[in-house]
N, C-alpha and C. Protein backbone atom coordinates (compact mmCIF):
# COMPACT_ATOMS: atom_id res chain seq x y z
N UNK A 1 0.67 -1.70 0.44
CA UNK A 1 0.13 0.06 -0.01
C UNK A 1 0.56 1.20 -0.39
N UNK A 2 0.70 2.13 -0.88
CA UNK A 2 1.26 3.61 -1.35
C UNK A 2 1.56 4.27 -0.16
N UNK A 3 3.09 5.51 0.86
CA UNK A 3 2.54 6.12 1.16
C UNK A 3 1.68 7.55 1.12
N UNK A 4 0.70 7.49 1.56
CA UNK A 4 -0.66 8.43 1.22
C UNK A 4 -0.53 10.11 2.24
N UNK A 5 -0.21 9.65 3.02
CA UNK A 5 -0.03 11.29 3.87
C UNK A 5 1.75 11.86 3.97
N UNK A 6 2.20 12.44 4.44
CA UNK A 6 3.30 13.02 4.48
C UNK A 6 3.94 12.66 5.51
N UNK A 7 3.26 12.50 7.11
CA UNK A 7 4.19 11.42 7.93
C UNK A 7 4.66 9.80 7.34
N UNK A 8 3.21 9.18 6.71
CA UNK A 8 3.25 8.11 5.88
C UNK A 8 3.90 7.68 5.43
N UNK A 9 5.02 8.84 4.71
CA UNK A 9 6.09 9.06 3.72
C UNK A 9 7.39 8.81 4.40
N UNK A 10 7.28 10.06 5.28
CA UNK A 10 8.67 10.81 6.51
C UNK A 10 8.95 8.93 6.88
N UNK A 11 7.57 9.29 7.63
CA UNK A 11 7.98 7.06 7.98
C UNK A 11 8.94 6.28 8.30
N UNK A 12 7.81 5.93 6.43
CA UNK A 12 9.44 4.89 5.23
C UNK A 12 10.59 5.32 4.67
N UNK A 13 10.86 6.86 4.94
CA UNK A 13 12.31 7.18 4.19
C UNK A 13 12.58 7.14 5.94
N UNK A 14 12.37 7.66 7.43
CA UNK A 14 13.80 7.21 8.23
C UNK A 14 13.64 5.97 8.46
N UNK A 15 13.08 4.94 7.84
CA UNK A 15 13.04 3.10 8.43
C UNK A 15 13.69 2.75 7.01
N UNK A 16 13.59 3.47 6.27
CA UNK A 16 14.80 2.86 4.76
C UNK A 16 16.10 3.55 5.18
N UNK A 17 16.54 5.14 6.43
CA UNK A 17 17.24 5.37 6.27
C UNK A 17 17.80 5.13 7.01
N UNK A 18 17.24 4.33 8.46
CA UNK A 18 17.70 3.56 9.81
C UNK A 18 18.31 2.40 9.50
N UNK A 19 17.68 2.02 8.41
CA UNK A 19 17.99 0.28 7.54
C UNK A 19 19.50 0.82 7.56
N UNK A 20 19.85 1.46 6.21
CA UNK A 20 21.15 1.53 5.95
C UNK A 20 22.33 2.67 6.87
N UNK A 21 21.66 3.09 7.80
CA UNK A 21 22.88 3.00 8.81
C UNK A 21 23.20 2.19 9.50
N UNK A 22 22.28 1.22 10.05
CA UNK A 22 22.49 -0.17 10.65
C UNK A 22 21.36 -1.06 11.55
N UNK A 23 20.63 -0.30 11.31
CA UNK A 23 19.42 -0.52 12.24
C UNK A 23 19.21 -2.26 11.61
N UNK A 24 18.35 -2.90 13.02
CA UNK A 24 18.47 -4.31 12.34
C UNK A 24 17.17 -4.26 12.43
N UNK A 25 16.35 -3.23 13.45
CA UNK A 25 15.22 -4.15 13.95
C UNK A 25 14.34 -3.06 13.45
N UNK A 26 14.01 -2.97 11.72
CA UNK A 26 13.16 -1.72 11.61
C UNK A 26 11.57 -1.77 11.41
N UNK A 27 11.52 -2.88 11.61
CA UNK A 27 9.51 -3.70 12.43
C UNK A 27 9.57 -2.95 13.00
N UNK A 28 10.02 -2.77 13.83
CA UNK A 28 10.35 -2.34 14.98
C UNK A 28 10.29 -0.26 15.45
N UNK A 29 9.57 0.17 14.57
CA UNK A 29 9.96 1.22 14.90
C UNK A 29 9.14 2.43 16.41
N UNK A 30 9.68 2.66 16.95
CA UNK A 30 8.24 2.71 18.10
C UNK A 30 8.11 4.63 17.64
N UNK A 31 7.32 5.24 17.50
CA UNK A 31 7.73 6.60 17.46
C UNK A 31 6.23 6.68 18.62
N UNK A 32 6.47 9.02 18.48
CA UNK A 32 6.36 9.61 19.44
C UNK A 32 5.72 10.92 19.23
N UNK A 33 4.64 11.15 19.46
CA UNK A 33 4.66 12.79 19.74
C UNK A 33 4.82 14.07 20.11
N UNK A 34 5.71 15.24 19.86
CA UNK A 34 7.26 15.58 20.80
C UNK A 34 5.22 16.57 21.23
N UNK A 35 5.17 17.18 22.57
CA UNK A 35 4.90 18.65 22.61
C UNK A 35 5.53 19.04 23.97
N UNK A 36 5.81 20.72 23.76
CA UNK A 36 6.13 21.08 24.33
C UNK A 36 5.87 22.68 25.05
N UNK A 37 5.50 22.82 25.64
CA UNK A 37 4.65 23.91 26.61
C UNK A 37 3.13 24.00 26.39
N UNK A 38 2.73 22.97 26.35
CA UNK A 38 1.43 22.41 25.25
C UNK A 38 1.20 22.31 24.01
N UNK A 39 2.52 22.75 23.02
CA UNK A 39 1.83 22.28 21.71
C UNK A 39 2.29 21.27 20.65
N UNK A 40 2.05 21.05 20.15
CA UNK A 40 2.76 20.09 19.44
C UNK A 40 4.20 20.18 18.85
N UNK A 41 5.08 19.49 19.33
CA UNK A 41 5.94 20.61 18.06
C UNK A 41 7.14 18.58 17.16
N UNK A 42 6.33 18.13 17.49
CA UNK A 42 7.62 16.82 16.98
C UNK A 42 7.34 15.39 16.93
N UNK A 43 7.74 14.48 16.78
CA UNK A 43 8.10 13.05 16.41
C UNK A 43 8.83 12.64 17.36
N UNK A 44 9.46 12.06 17.66
CA UNK A 44 10.91 11.33 18.02
C UNK A 44 10.16 9.86 17.38
N UNK A 45 11.46 9.12 16.35
CA UNK A 45 11.61 7.82 16.51
C UNK A 45 12.71 7.22 17.18
N UNK A 46 12.22 5.83 17.16
CA UNK A 46 13.25 5.08 18.39
C UNK A 46 13.17 4.12 17.77
N UNK A 47 14.63 2.90 17.11
CA UNK A 47 14.06 1.98 16.74
C UNK A 47 15.83 1.37 17.45
N UNK A 48 16.14 0.21 17.78
CA UNK A 48 17.32 -0.80 18.32
C UNK A 48 18.44 0.52 18.41
N UNK A 49 18.48 1.10 18.66
CA UNK A 49 18.83 2.00 19.71
C UNK A 49 19.44 3.13 18.50
N UNK A 50 18.85 3.40 17.74
CA UNK A 50 18.73 4.84 17.19
C UNK A 50 17.60 5.43 17.17
N UNK A 51 17.66 6.94 16.86
CA UNK A 51 16.36 7.60 17.63
C UNK A 51 16.76 8.82 16.81
N UNK A 52 15.49 9.50 15.45
CA UNK A 52 15.59 10.09 15.09
C UNK A 52 14.50 11.41 15.84
N UNK A 53 14.80 12.49 15.25
CA UNK A 53 14.01 13.99 16.32
C UNK A 53 12.91 14.30 14.90
N UNK A 54 12.36 14.41 14.55
CA UNK A 54 11.56 15.41 13.15
C UNK A 54 11.42 16.53 14.28
N UNK A 55 11.75 18.51 14.18
CA UNK A 55 10.94 19.03 14.20
C UNK A 55 9.70 19.74 13.29
N UNK A 56 9.00 19.83 13.28
CA UNK A 56 8.20 20.14 12.33
C UNK A 56 7.94 21.70 12.50
N UNK A 57 8.53 22.69 13.69
CA UNK A 57 8.67 24.18 13.12
C UNK A 57 9.95 23.96 12.26
N UNK A 58 10.27 23.95 12.62
CA UNK A 58 12.04 23.89 11.16
C UNK A 58 12.05 22.95 10.03
N UNK A 59 10.44 22.09 10.64
CA UNK A 59 10.77 21.23 9.29
C UNK A 59 12.29 20.10 9.30
N UNK A 60 12.55 19.64 10.46
CA UNK A 60 13.70 19.47 10.34
C UNK A 60 14.17 18.11 10.82
N UNK A 61 14.95 16.30 9.91
CA UNK A 61 14.95 15.99 10.84
C UNK A 61 16.27 15.07 11.42
N UNK A 62 16.75 15.08 13.13
CA UNK A 62 18.23 14.12 13.18
C UNK A 62 18.26 13.17 13.47
N UNK A 63 19.02 12.72 12.86
CA UNK A 63 19.39 11.18 13.48
C UNK A 63 20.24 10.79 14.14
N UNK A 64 20.40 10.14 15.03
CA UNK A 64 21.16 9.55 16.47
C UNK A 64 22.19 7.86 16.60
N UNK A 65 22.70 7.73 16.51
CA UNK A 65 23.16 6.50 15.99
C UNK A 65 23.07 6.27 18.59
N UNK A 66 22.61 4.93 18.11
CA UNK A 66 23.31 3.98 19.58
C UNK A 66 23.89 4.93 20.70
N UNK A 67 24.96 5.60 20.34
CA UNK A 67 25.40 5.98 21.37
C UNK A 67 26.11 7.12 20.96
N UNK A 68 24.49 7.85 20.81
CA UNK A 68 24.32 9.88 20.57
C UNK A 68 24.52 11.08 20.00
N UNK A 69 25.28 9.64 19.21
CA UNK A 69 25.74 10.45 18.13
C UNK A 69 24.80 10.55 16.97
N UNK A 70 25.29 12.22 16.34
CA UNK A 70 24.58 12.93 15.56
C UNK A 70 25.51 12.13 13.34
N UNK A 71 24.20 11.29 13.31
CA UNK A 71 24.40 11.33 12.23
C UNK A 71 24.59 11.39 10.45
N UNK A 72 23.38 12.37 10.67
CA UNK A 72 22.49 12.44 10.16
C UNK A 72 22.26 13.29 10.04
N UNK A 73 21.83 15.53 9.52
CA UNK A 73 20.91 15.83 10.11
C UNK A 73 20.23 16.61 8.88
N UNK A 74 18.90 16.91 7.92
CA UNK A 74 18.02 17.69 6.78
C UNK A 74 16.95 18.20 7.10
N UNK A 75 16.29 18.63 6.81
CA UNK A 75 15.19 18.84 6.43
C UNK A 75 14.34 17.68 5.38
N UNK A 76 12.91 17.28 5.80
CA UNK A 76 12.17 16.49 5.98
C UNK A 76 12.14 16.62 4.13
N UNK A 77 11.96 17.55 3.63
CA UNK A 77 11.53 17.98 2.28
C UNK A 77 13.54 16.73 1.24
N UNK A 78 14.55 16.30 1.73
CA UNK A 78 15.97 16.62 1.78
C UNK A 78 15.38 15.22 1.63
N UNK A 79 15.55 13.97 2.80
CA UNK A 79 14.97 13.60 3.53
C UNK A 79 14.70 12.22 2.27
N UNK A 80 13.07 12.49 2.18
CA UNK A 80 11.98 12.42 1.18
C UNK A 80 13.35 12.31 -0.03
N UNK A 81 13.45 13.67 -0.60
CA UNK A 81 13.87 12.81 -2.19
C UNK A 81 15.34 12.06 -2.13
N UNK A 82 15.83 12.05 -1.00
CA UNK A 82 17.00 10.69 -0.77
C UNK A 82 16.53 9.18 -1.01
N UNK A 83 15.26 9.33 0.16
CA UNK A 83 14.80 8.06 0.23
C UNK A 83 13.95 7.19 -2.25
N UNK A 84 13.44 8.98 -2.19
CA UNK A 84 12.41 8.37 -3.29
C UNK A 84 14.38 8.07 -4.50
N UNK A 85 14.88 8.37 -4.88
CA UNK A 85 16.09 8.72 -5.24
C UNK A 85 17.07 6.79 -4.74
N UNK A 86 16.69 6.48 -4.21
CA UNK A 86 16.82 5.20 -3.62
C UNK A 86 15.61 4.61 -4.19
N UNK A 87 15.23 4.99 -3.46
CA UNK A 87 14.06 3.92 -4.51
C UNK A 87 13.87 3.52 -6.09
N UNK A 88 14.07 4.90 -6.37
CA UNK A 88 13.69 4.37 -7.86
C UNK A 88 15.14 3.66 -8.46
N UNK A 89 16.56 4.22 -7.45
CA UNK A 89 17.59 2.64 -8.17
C UNK A 89 17.60 1.79 -8.02
N UNK A 90 16.40 1.44 -6.63
CA UNK A 90 16.48 -0.45 -6.43
C UNK A 90 15.25 -0.64 -7.51
N UNK A 91 14.07 0.06 -7.86
CA UNK A 91 13.48 -0.30 -9.55
C UNK A 91 13.99 -0.55 -10.29
N UNK A 92 15.23 0.02 -10.89
CA UNK A 92 16.19 -0.17 -12.63
C UNK A 92 17.28 -1.25 -12.13
N UNK A 93 17.86 -1.87 -10.21
CA UNK A 93 18.00 -2.73 -10.45
C UNK A 93 17.49 -4.63 -10.62
N UNK A 94 16.63 -4.12 -10.19
CA UNK A 94 15.59 -5.50 -10.19
C UNK A 94 14.87 -5.87 -11.43
N UNK A 95 15.31 -7.01 -11.49
CA UNK A 95 14.14 -7.38 -13.19
C UNK A 95 13.29 -7.27 -12.79
N UNK A 96 12.64 -6.93 -13.79
CA UNK A 96 10.78 -7.49 -14.26
C UNK A 96 10.70 -8.32 -14.82
N UNK A 97 8.82 -8.77 -13.57
CA UNK A 97 8.26 -9.85 -14.02
C UNK A 97 8.26 -10.09 -15.67
N UNK A 98 8.19 -11.07 -15.69
CA UNK A 98 6.99 -11.60 -17.28
C UNK A 98 5.40 -11.66 -16.87
């Protein structure tokens, strides 16, 4: 089933990026809503010791490793573009069914 909402698209991109960083159990991705001063401010994703924080107002994603080191930071548009280009590359290298 294709992703239909921005949150579903970001979640798929985050899962793919975490797998490329070395996360083994991306099916176990946990998601939390972040609230600051009573207002929605983002989401936190955790998986296999990795953590990703999506700051909504800044539209920024930060990927942290199990040791807390920042591995990668980008805006959501860049993250989605990277994910979509990886999907396109996979689709061109996979043989087509007859």
